[in-house]
Amino acid sequence: MAEINTYPLGTPAGNTRLAGTQMAIPQSDGTSLNLTRNFTIESIAPLINQINLGYTVYTAQLTAGAGAAPTATILQNTTGLTFVWSRNGTATGQYLVTVSEAVFIANKFWAIVSAKGSEFPSIVRTADDIARVDNILCNTAAAVDGITEGFVEIRIYS
């Protein structure tokens, strides 16, 4: 049997597989087995973040024109969830992010949002699966449509 440290080093990608043992897998006869399995880097990254940091994270760059829903360019998403951005009806400067599961739990949700120039957005959790961004002008406190070079980070604590 070859020694593992003799294999050449590689550069991992999201689909790179690692061998590991999945513990205590229930069987149909009521027993549990420890099974050797392959895991992808992509599948274990959220777990590593959650264990090391205590949270998973969604980070995106936001852009929105007047009267339009934000477009999110995802920079990082270790949550394994889908985030959908929309405009809050006809409310000036209000945008919603809806997540695919009810994980925006009180005392387990933290978020920050920013934008360029005189825009001053804020973000608040409004339901277990919805957060709202309110965008105002910092010199007048008036609601303003559009987001210029905005960034959002949402943390979901375990």
Protein backbone atom coordinates (compact mmCIF):
# COMPACT_ATOMS: atom_id res chain seq x y z
CA MET A 1 0.00 0.00 0.00
CA ALA A 2 1.36 3.41 -0.95
CA GLU A 3 2.01 5.99 1.71
CA ILE A 4 -0.31 8.99 1.37
CA ASN A 5 2.51 11.52 1.80
CA THR A 6 4.16 10.15 -1.37
CA TYR A 7 1.31 11.33 -3.62
CA PRO A 8 1.97 14.61 -5.46
CA LEU A 9 0.40 17.81 -4.14
CA GLY A 10 -2.54 19.19 -6.10
CA THR A 11 -4.58 22.37 -6.16
CA PRO A 12 -8.09 21.67 -4.88
CA ALA A 13 -11.21 22.93 -6.61
CA GLY A 14 -14.84 22.81 -5.50
CA ASN A 15 -15.35 19.40 -7.09
CA THR A 16 -12.13 17.91 -5.64
CA ARG A 17 -12.94 14.79 -3.65
CA LEU A 18 -11.61 13.91 -0.22
CA ALA A 19 -11.96 10.51 1.41
CA GLY A 20 -13.44 10.44 4.88
CA THR A 21 -15.53 8.44 7.29
CA GLN A 22 -19.20 9.26 7.77
CA MET A 23 -20.01 8.21 11.32
CA ALA A 24 -23.00 6.32 12.73
CA ILE A 25 -25.04 5.85 9.53
CA PRO A 26 -28.34 4.17 10.53
CA GLN A 27 -29.02 0.88 8.77
CA SER A 28 -32.38 -0.79 8.04
CA ASP A 29 -31.68 -3.48 10.65
CA GLY A 30 -31.39 -0.85 13.41
CA THR A 31 -27.60 -0.88 13.62
CA SER A 32 -25.25 1.96 12.74
CA LEU A 33 -22.14 1.80 10.59
CA ASN A 34 -19.17 4.06 10.03
CA LEU A 35 -18.79 4.26 6.23
CA THR A 36 -15.88 5.46 4.11
CA ARG A 37 -17.19 8.01 1.63
CA ASN A 38 -16.00 10.67 -0.80
CA PHE A 39 -16.79 14.30 0.03
CA THR A 40 -16.26 17.31 -2.25
CA ILE A 41 -14.49 20.44 -1.05
CA GLU A 42 -17.64 22.33 -2.08
CA SER A 43 -19.83 20.16 0.19
CA ILE A 44 -17.66 20.52 3.28
CA ALA A 45 -16.78 24.24 3.03
CA PRO A 46 -20.04 25.43 4.69
CA LEU A 47 -19.54 22.93 7.51
CA ILE A 48 -15.97 24.10 8.07
CA ASN A 49 -17.08 27.74 8.21
CA GLN A 50 -19.87 26.90 10.64
CA ILE A 51 -17.57 24.91 12.92
CA ASN A 52 -14.65 27.37 12.82
CA LEU A 53 -16.61 30.63 12.81
CA GLY A 54 -19.94 29.65 14.37
CA TYR A 55 -21.82 30.98 11.34
CA THR A 56 -22.35 30.61 7.63
CA VAL A 57 -22.25 33.66 5.39
CA TYR A 58 -23.82 35.16 2.29
CA THR A 59 -21.91 38.09 0.75
CA ALA A 60 -22.90 39.85 -2.47
CA GLN A 61 -22.46 43.04 -4.44
CA LEU A 62 -25.80 44.74 -5.09
CA THR A 63 -26.81 47.06 -7.90
CA ALA A 64 -30.29 48.41 -8.53
CA GLY A 65 -31.66 51.04 -10.83
CA ALA A 66 -34.56 53.28 -9.84
CA GLY A 67 -37.72 51.20 -9.47
CA ALA A 68 -35.89 47.91 -10.09
CA ALA A 69 -35.06 44.90 -7.95
CA PRO A 70 -31.40 44.56 -6.97
CA THR A 71 -29.10 42.35 -8.96
CA ALA A 72 -26.81 40.37 -6.66
CA THR A 73 -23.35 39.24 -7.71
CA ILE A 74 -22.57 36.57 -5.15
CA LEU A 75 -19.07 36.86 -3.70
CA GLN A 76 -19.49 34.05 -1.16
CA ASN A 77 -22.35 31.83 -0.06
CA THR A 78 -21.48 29.15 2.49
CA THR A 79 -25.09 28.78 3.65
CA GLY A 80 -26.21 26.32 1.00
CA LEU A 81 -29.37 28.42 0.66
CA THR A 82 -30.90 30.43 -2.17
CA PHE A 83 -31.30 34.20 -1.70
CA VAL A 84 -33.80 36.04 -3.92
CA TRP A 85 -33.77 39.85 -4.15
CA SER A 86 -36.87 41.92 -4.99
CA ARG A 87 -38.24 45.43 -4.70
CA ASN A 88 -40.70 45.94 -1.83
CA GLY A 89 -43.77 46.75 -3.93
CA THR A 90 -43.74 50.42 -4.85
CA ALA A 91 -42.01 51.56 -1.65
CA THR A 92 -39.20 53.95 -2.57
CA GLY A 93 -35.77 52.59 -1.66
CA GLN A 94 -37.01 49.37 -0.06
CA TYR A 95 -35.70 45.98 -1.14
CA LEU A 96 -36.35 42.49 0.19
CA VAL A 97 -34.16 39.42 0.34
CA THR A 98 -36.01 36.17 0.80
CA VAL A 99 -34.12 33.03 1.74
CA SER A 100 -35.17 29.48 0.86
CA GLU A 101 -35.47 28.36 4.51
CA ALA A 102 -36.56 30.05 7.74
CA VAL A 103 -33.04 30.74 9.07
CA PHE A 104 -33.24 34.46 9.89
CA ILE A 105 -33.93 33.63 13.52
CA ALA A 106 -33.83 36.33 16.21
CA ASN A 107 -30.40 36.42 17.90
CA LYS A 108 -28.95 34.21 15.14
CA PHE A 109 -29.04 36.77 12.29
CA TRP A 110 -26.52 39.53 11.68
CA ALA A 111 -26.20 41.65 8.56
CA ILE A 112 -24.55 44.78 7.24
CA VAL A 113 -25.11 46.66 4.00
CA SER A 114 -23.27 49.57 2.38
CA ALA A 115 -23.43 51.66 -0.76
CA LYS A 116 -21.34 54.29 -2.56
CA GLY A 117 -21.79 58.03 -2.37
CA SER A 118 -24.54 59.69 -0.35
CA GLU A 119 -26.68 56.54 -0.08
CA PHE A 120 -27.02 55.15 3.43
CA PRO A 121 -28.72 51.74 3.39
CA SER A 122 -29.65 49.70 6.45
CA ILE A 123 -30.85 46.12 6.77
CA VAL A 124 -33.27 44.57 9.24
CA ARG A 125 -34.72 41.10 9.69
CA THR A 126 -38.51 41.25 9.19
CA ALA A 127 -39.37 37.53 9.30
CA ASP A 128 -37.57 34.22 9.72
CA ASP A 129 -37.03 34.12 5.95
CA ILE A 130 -37.06 37.81 4.93
CA ALA A 131 -34.81 40.82 5.51
CA ARG A 132 -35.47 44.36 4.25
CA VAL A 133 -32.98 46.92 3.00
CA ASP A 134 -33.99 50.59 3.38
CA ASN A 135 -31.94 52.99 1.30
CA ILE A 136 -31.89 56.69 2.26
CA LEU A 137 -29.80 59.74 1.40
CA CYS A 138 -27.49 60.59 4.27
CA ASN A 139 -27.84 64.37 3.85
CA THR A 140 -31.68 64.47 3.78
CA ALA A 141 -32.79 61.10 5.21
CA ALA A 142 -35.18 60.82 2.24
CA ALA A 143 -35.81 57.35 0.82
CA VAL A 144 -34.01 56.87 -2.49
CA ASP A 145 -34.41 54.28 -5.22
CA GLY A 146 -31.39 52.49 -6.61
CA ILE A 147 -28.24 51.11 -5.07
CA THR A 148 -24.82 52.14 -6.35
CA GLU A 149 -21.96 49.70 -5.70
CA GLY A 150 -23.68 48.22 -2.68
CA PHE A 151 -22.40 45.30 -0.65
CA VAL A 152 -24.26 43.09 1.79
CA GLU A 153 -23.07 40.45 4.23
CA ILE A 154 -25.54 38.24 6.04
CA ARG A 155 -24.37 35.88 8.77
CA ILE A 156 -26.49 33.02 10.06
CA TYR A 157 -25.26 31.80 13.43
CA SER A 158 -25.66 28.21 14.55
